[in-house]
């Protein structure tokens, strides 16, 4: 497992909390808070765009 530095959890109203992380190679990770061993990885820019859209309400059904 890569050495991932996780940010504080982001929790929306009445939704599961998720966390964003990065590793030393510039990869980005997203996981449900408390289940960081089961994560999704992609480029930092791709996950940033996903989170931006979720926070903007474009993809709130994903949470």
PDB file of N, CA and C in Angstrom:
ATOM      1  N   UNK A   1       0.849  -1.169   0.000  1.00  0.00           N
ATOM      2  CA  UNK A   1       0.000   0.000   0.000  1.00  0.00           C
ATOM      3  C   UNK A   1       0.898   1.236   0.000  1.00  0.00           C
ATOM      4  N   UNK A   2       0.559   2.231  -0.826  1.00  0.00           N
ATOM      5  CA  UNK A   2       1.375   3.444  -0.869  1.00  0.00           C
ATOM      6  C   UNK A   2       1.276   4.227   0.439  1.00  0.00           C
ATOM      7  N   UNK A   3       2.244   5.092   0.666  1.00  0.00           N
ATOM      8  CA  UNK A   3       2.237   5.955   1.843  1.00  0.00           C
ATOM      9  C   UNK A   3       1.358   7.161   1.527  1.00  0.00           C
ATOM     10  N   UNK A   4       0.117   7.150   2.002  1.00  0.00           N
ATOM     11  CA  UNK A   4      -0.870   8.180   1.678  1.00  0.00           C
ATOM     12  C   UNK A   4      -1.017   9.142   2.847  1.00  0.00           C
ATOM     13  N   UNK A   5      -0.962  10.432   2.547  1.00  0.00           N
ATOM     14  CA  UNK A   5      -1.231  11.469   3.545  1.00  0.00           C
ATOM     15  C   UNK A   5      -2.685  11.906   3.354  1.00  0.00           C
ATOM     16  N   UNK A   6      -3.539  11.572   4.322  1.00  0.00           N
ATOM     17  CA  UNK A   6      -4.966  11.860   4.222  1.00  0.00           C
ATOM     18  C   UNK A   6      -5.288  13.232   4.797  1.00  0.00           C
ATOM     19  N   UNK A   7      -6.175  13.970   4.123  1.00  0.00           N
ATOM     20  CA  UNK A   7      -6.688  15.240   4.643  1.00  0.00           C
ATOM     21  C   UNK A   7      -7.794  14.948   5.645  1.00  0.00           C
ATOM     22  N   UNK A   8      -8.235  15.971   6.334  1.00  0.00           N
ATOM     23  CA  UNK A   8      -9.360  15.827   7.250  1.00  0.00           C
ATOM     24  C   UNK A   8     -10.591  15.396   6.455  1.00  0.00           C
ATOM     25  N   UNK A   9     -11.507  14.623   7.050  1.00  0.00           N
ATOM     26  CA  UNK A   9     -12.710  14.179   6.337  1.00  0.00           C
ATOM     27  C   UNK A   9     -13.609  15.353   5.935  1.00  0.00           C
ATOM     28  N   UNK A  10     -14.242  15.217   4.791  1.00  0.00           N
ATOM     29  CA  UNK A  10     -15.264  16.153   4.338  1.00  0.00           C
ATOM     30  C   UNK A  10     -16.591  15.447   4.526  1.00  0.00           C
ATOM     31  N   UNK A  11     -17.494  16.071   5.251  1.00  0.00           N
ATOM     32  CA  UNK A  11     -18.804  15.479   5.525  1.00  0.00           C
ATOM     33  C   UNK A  11     -19.906  16.422   5.047  1.00  0.00           C
ATOM     34  N   UNK A  12     -20.704  15.970   4.112  1.00  0.00           N
ATOM     35  CA  UNK A  12     -21.857  16.735   3.653  1.00  0.00           C
ATOM     36  C   UNK A  12     -23.022  16.455   4.594  1.00  0.00           C
ATOM     37  N   UNK A  13     -24.072  17.221   4.473  1.00  0.00           N
ATOM     38  CA  UNK A  13     -25.243  17.012   5.313  1.00  0.00           C
ATOM     39  C   UNK A  13     -25.866  15.655   5.024  1.00  0.00           C
ATOM     40  N   UNK A  14     -26.065  14.862   6.060  1.00  0.00           N
ATOM     41  CA  UNK A  14     -26.723  13.559   5.982  1.00  0.00           C
ATOM     42  C   UNK A  14     -26.067  12.622   4.969  1.00  0.00           C
ATOM     43  N   UNK A  15     -24.769  12.745   4.798  1.00  0.00           N
ATOM     44  CA  UNK A  15     -24.059  11.891   3.847  1.00  0.00           C
ATOM     45  C   UNK A  15     -22.870  11.230   4.526  1.00  0.00           C
ATOM     46  N   UNK A  16     -22.323  10.259   3.840  1.00  0.00           N
ATOM     47  CA  UNK A  16     -21.094   9.638   4.312  1.00  0.00           C
ATOM     48  C   UNK A  16     -19.950  10.643   4.187  1.00  0.00           C
ATOM     49  N   UNK A  17     -18.994  10.544   5.054  1.00  0.00           N
ATOM     50  CA  UNK A  17     -17.808  11.400   4.991  1.00  0.00           C
ATOM     51  C   UNK A  17     -16.769  10.741   4.095  1.00  0.00           C
ATOM     52  N   UNK A  18     -16.010  11.561   3.389  1.00  0.00           N
ATOM     53  CA  UNK A  18     -14.938  11.014   2.577  1.00  0.00           C
ATOM     54  C   UNK A  18     -13.673  11.804   2.827  1.00  0.00           C
ATOM     55  N   UNK A  19     -12.551  11.200   2.439  1.00  0.00           N
ATOM     56  CA  UNK A  19     -11.257  11.830   2.628  1.00  0.00           C
ATOM     57  C   UNK A  19     -10.486  11.822   1.317  1.00  0.00           C
ATOM     58  N   UNK A  20      -9.677  12.847   1.130  1.00  0.00           N
ATOM     59  CA  UNK A  20      -8.780  12.959  -0.014  1.00  0.00           C
ATOM     60  C   UNK A  20      -7.362  12.770   0.506  1.00  0.00           C
ATOM     61  N   UNK A  21      -6.546  12.086  -0.252  1.00  0.00           N
ATOM     62  CA  UNK A  21      -5.155  11.897   0.134  1.00  0.00           C
ATOM     63  C   UNK A  21      -4.240  11.999  -1.066  1.00  0.00           C
ATOM     64  N   UNK A  22      -2.968  12.176  -0.794  1.00  0.00           N
ATOM     65  CA  UNK A  22      -1.955  12.198  -1.846  1.00  0.00           C
ATOM     66  C   UNK A  22      -0.750  11.392  -1.370  1.00  0.00           C
ATOM     67  N   UNK A  23       0.036  10.930  -2.336  1.00  0.00           N
ATOM     68  CA  UNK A  23       1.273  10.242  -1.986  1.00  0.00           C
ATOM     69  C   UNK A  23       2.463  11.041  -2.496  1.00  0.00           C
ATOM     70  N   UNK A  24       3.656  10.540  -2.253  1.00  0.00           N
ATOM     71  CA  UNK A  24       4.880  11.246  -2.632  1.00  0.00           C
ATOM     72  C   UNK A  24       5.092  11.320  -4.137  1.00  0.00           C
ATOM     73  N   UNK A  25       4.374  10.499  -4.895  1.00  0.00           N
ATOM     74  CA  UNK A  25       4.520  10.492  -6.351  1.00  0.00           C
ATOM     75  C   UNK A  25       3.496  11.374  -7.044  1.00  0.00           C
ATOM     76  N   UNK A  26       2.649  12.070  -6.282  1.00  0.00           N
ATOM     77  CA  UNK A  26       1.667  12.981  -6.861  1.00  0.00           C
ATOM     78  C   UNK A  26       0.340  12.345  -7.220  1.00  0.00           C
ATOM     79  N   UNK A  27       0.137  11.092  -6.842  1.00  0.00           N
ATOM     80  CA  UNK A  27      -1.150  10.450  -7.075  1.00  0.00           C
ATOM     81  C   UNK A  27      -2.152  10.941  -6.038  1.00  0.00           C
ATOM     82  N   UNK A  28      -3.420  10.952  -6.402  1.00  0.00           N
ATOM     83  CA  UNK A  28      -4.466  11.369  -5.484  1.00  0.00           C
ATOM     84  C   UNK A  28      -5.362  10.176  -5.174  1.00  0.00           C
ATOM     85  N   UNK A  29      -5.961  10.206  -3.986  1.00  0.00           N
ATOM     86  CA  UNK A  29      -6.784   9.105  -3.500  1.00  0.00           C
ATOM     87  C   UNK A  29      -8.045   9.672  -2.868  1.00  0.00           C
ATOM     88  N   UNK A  30      -9.132   8.906  -2.948  1.00  0.00           N
ATOM     89  CA  UNK A  30     -10.369   9.263  -2.276  1.00  0.00           C
ATOM     90  C   UNK A  30     -10.920   7.995  -1.640  1.00  0.00           C
ATOM     91  N   UNK A  31     -11.445   8.143  -0.420  1.00  0.00           N
ATOM     92  CA  UNK A  31     -11.986   6.992   0.297  1.00  0.00           C
ATOM     93  C   UNK A  31     -13.056   7.474   1.261  1.00  0.00           C
ATOM     94  N   UNK A  32     -13.968   6.589   1.592  1.00  0.00           N
ATOM     95  CA  UNK A  32     -14.934   6.873   2.640  1.00  0.00           C
ATOM     96  C   UNK A  32     -14.162   6.923   3.954  1.00  0.00           C
ATOM     97  N   UNK A  33     -14.433   7.939   4.758  1.00  0.00           N
ATOM     98  CA  UNK A  33     -13.739   8.071   6.044  1.00  0.00           C
ATOM     99  C   UNK A  33     -13.981   6.823   6.883  1.00  0.00           C
ATOM    100  N   UNK A  34     -12.911   6.296   7.431  1.00  0.00           N
ATOM    101  CA  UNK A  34     -12.973   5.078   8.224  1.00  0.00           C
ATOM    102  C   UNK A  34     -12.719   3.821   7.415  1.00  0.00           C
ATOM    103  N   UNK A  35     -12.669   3.951   6.102  1.00  0.00           N
ATOM    104  CA  UNK A  35     -12.410   2.798   5.227  1.00  0.00           C
ATOM    105  C   UNK A  35     -11.303   3.145   4.237  1.00  0.00           C
ATOM    106  N   UNK A  36     -10.242   3.779   4.737  1.00  0.00           N
ATOM    107  CA  UNK A  36      -9.178   4.263   3.866  1.00  0.00           C
ATOM    108  C   UNK A  36      -8.403   3.155   3.172  1.00  0.00           C
ATOM    109  N   UNK A  37      -8.517   1.919   3.624  1.00  0.00           N
ATOM    110  CA  UNK A  37      -7.844   0.808   2.951  1.00  0.00           C
ATOM    111  C   UNK A  37      -8.533   0.444   1.642  1.00  0.00           C
ATOM    112  N   UNK A  38      -9.746   0.911   1.436  1.00  0.00           N
ATOM    113  CA  UNK A  38     -10.517   0.644   0.225  1.00  0.00           C
ATOM    114  C   UNK A  38     -10.704   1.972  -0.507  1.00  0.00           C
ATOM    115  N   UNK A  39      -9.714   2.364  -1.279  1.00  0.00           N
ATOM    116  CA  UNK A  39      -9.705   3.690  -1.890  1.00  0.00           C
ATOM    117  C   UNK A  39      -9.747   3.619  -3.411  1.00  0.00           C
ATOM    118  N   UNK A  40     -10.058   4.757  -4.009  1.00  0.00           N
ATOM    119  CA  UNK A  40     -10.017   4.951  -5.448  1.00  0.00           C
ATOM    120  C   UNK A  40      -8.859   5.881  -5.720  1.00  0.00           C
ATOM    121  N   UNK A  41      -8.100   5.628  -6.760  1.00  0.00           N
ATOM    122  CA  UNK A  41      -6.971   6.500  -7.082  1.00  0.00           C
ATOM    123  C   UNK A  41      -7.062   6.971  -8.526  1.00  0.00           C
ATOM    124  N   UNK A  42      -6.565   8.167  -8.749  1.00  0.00           N
ATOM    125  CA  UNK A  42      -6.524   8.777 -10.075  1.00  0.00           C
ATOM    126  C   UNK A  42      -5.532   9.926  -9.991  1.00  0.00           C
ATOM    127  N   UNK A  43      -5.444  10.696 -11.041  1.00  0.00           N
ATOM    128  CA  UNK A  43      -4.570  11.860 -10.965  1.00  0.00           C
ATOM    129  C   UNK A  43      -5.172  12.867  -9.995  1.00  0.00           C
ATOM    130  N   UNK A  44      -4.330  13.695  -9.451  1.00  0.00           N
ATOM    131  CA  UNK A  44      -4.780  14.722  -8.513  1.00  0.00           C
ATOM    132  C   UNK A  44      -5.816  15.627  -9.178  1.00  0.00           C
ATOM    133  N   UNK A  45      -5.582  16.031 -10.434  1.00  0.00           N
ATOM    134  CA  UNK A  45      -6.512  16.919 -11.137  1.00  0.00           C
ATOM    135  C   UNK A  45      -7.872  16.270 -11.364  1.00  0.00           C
ATOM    136  N   UNK A  46      -7.892  14.983 -11.689  1.00  0.00           N
ATOM    137  CA  UNK A  46      -9.165  14.297 -11.923  1.00  0.00           C
ATOM    138  C   UNK A  46      -9.993  14.217 -10.647  1.00  0.00           C
ATOM    139  N   UNK A  47      -9.358  13.870  -9.526  1.00  0.00           N
ATOM    140  CA  UNK A  47     -10.105  13.799  -8.276  1.00  0.00           C
ATOM    141  C   UNK A  47     -10.498  15.186  -7.780  1.00  0.00           C
ATOM    142  N   UNK A  48      -9.668  16.192  -8.033  1.00  0.00           N
ATOM    143  CA  UNK A  48     -10.036  17.565  -7.668  1.00  0.00           C
ATOM    144  C   UNK A  48     -11.298  17.988  -8.425  1.00  0.00           C
ATOM    145  N   UNK A  49     -11.365  17.671  -9.718  1.00  0.00           N
ATOM    146  CA  UNK A  49     -12.547  18.004 -10.510  1.00  0.00           C
ATOM    147  C   UNK A  49     -13.784  17.269  -9.995  1.00  0.00           C
ATOM    148  N   UNK A  50     -13.628  15.998  -9.624  1.00  0.00           N
ATOM    149  CA  UNK A  50     -14.744  15.228  -9.080  1.00  0.00           C
ATOM    150  C   UNK A  50     -15.259  15.861  -7.797  1.00  0.00           C
ATOM    151  N   UNK A  51     -14.367  16.189  -6.870  1.00  0.00           N
ATOM    152  CA  UNK A  51     -14.777  16.788  -5.604  1.00  0.00           C
ATOM    153  C   UNK A  51     -15.409  18.151  -5.832  1.00  0.00           C
ATOM    154  N   UNK A  52     -14.855  18.940  -6.733  1.00  0.00           N
ATOM    155  CA  UNK A  52     -15.432  20.254  -7.047  1.00  0.00           C
ATOM    156  C   UNK A  52     -16.877  20.097  -7.531  1.00  0.00           C
ATOM    157  N   UNK A  53     -17.119  19.139  -8.409  1.00  0.00           N
ATOM    158  CA  UNK A  53     -18.471  18.903  -8.913  1.00  0.00           C
ATOM    159  C   UNK A  53     -19.404  18.399  -7.820  1.00  0.00           C
ATOM    160  N   UNK A  54     -18.921  17.547  -6.940  1.00  0.00           N
ATOM    161  CA  UNK A  54     -19.751  17.058  -5.838  1.00  0.00           C
ATOM    162  C   UNK A  54     -20.143  18.218  -4.937  1.00  0.00           C
ATOM    163  N   UNK A  55     -19.178  19.041  -4.557  1.00  0.00           N
ATOM    164  CA  UNK A  55     -19.468  20.173  -3.686  1.00  0.00           C
ATOM    165  C   UNK A  55     -20.397  21.183  -4.350  1.00  0.00           C
ATOM    166  N   UNK A  56     -20.360  21.271  -5.676  1.00  0.00           N
ATOM    167  CA  UNK A  56     -21.232  22.184  -6.414  1.00  0.00           C
ATOM    168  C   UNK A  56     -22.632  21.614  -6.613  1.00  0.00           C
ATOM    169  N   UNK A  57     -22.855  20.390  -6.142  1.00  0.00           N
ATOM    170  CA  UNK A  57     -24.167  19.777  -6.246  1.00  0.00           C
ATOM    171  C   UNK A  57     -24.429  19.067  -7.566  1.00  0.00           C
ATOM    172  N   UNK A  58     -23.424  18.949  -8.406  1.00  0.00           N
ATOM    173  CA  UNK A  58     -23.603  18.295  -9.696  1.00  0.00           C
ATOM    174  C   UNK A  58     -23.626  16.786  -9.602  1.00  0.00           C
ATOM    175  N   UNK A  59     -23.067  16.249  -8.527  1.00  0.00           N
ATOM    176  CA  UNK A  59     -22.968  14.797  -8.414  1.00  0.00           C
ATOM    177  C   UNK A  59     -23.241  14.351  -6.989  1.00  0.00           C
ATOM    178  N   UNK A  60     -24.164  14.999  -6.303  1.00  0.00           N
ATOM    179  CA  UNK A  60     -24.403  14.671  -4.910  1.00  0.00           C
ATOM    180  C   UNK A  60     -24.964  13.266  -4.720  1.00  0.00           C
ATOM    181  N   UNK A  61     -25.525  12.678  -5.765  1.00  0.00           N
ATOM    182  CA  UNK A  61     -26.030  11.313  -5.665  1.00  0.00           C
ATOM    183  C   UNK A  61     -24.902  10.297  -5.488  1.00  0.00           C
ATOM    184  N   UNK A  62     -23.653  10.682  -5.779  1.00  0.00           N
ATOM    185  CA  UNK A  62     -22.528   9.763  -5.602  1.00  0.00           C
ATOM    186  C   UNK A  62     -22.199   9.552  -4.133  1.00  0.00           C
ATOM    187  N   UNK A  63     -22.544  10.507  -3.289  1.00  0.00           N
ATOM    188  CA  UNK A  63     -22.265  10.361  -1.871  1.00  0.00           C
ATOM    189  C   UNK A  63     -23.393   9.640  -1.219  1.00  0.00           C
TER     190      UNK A  63
END
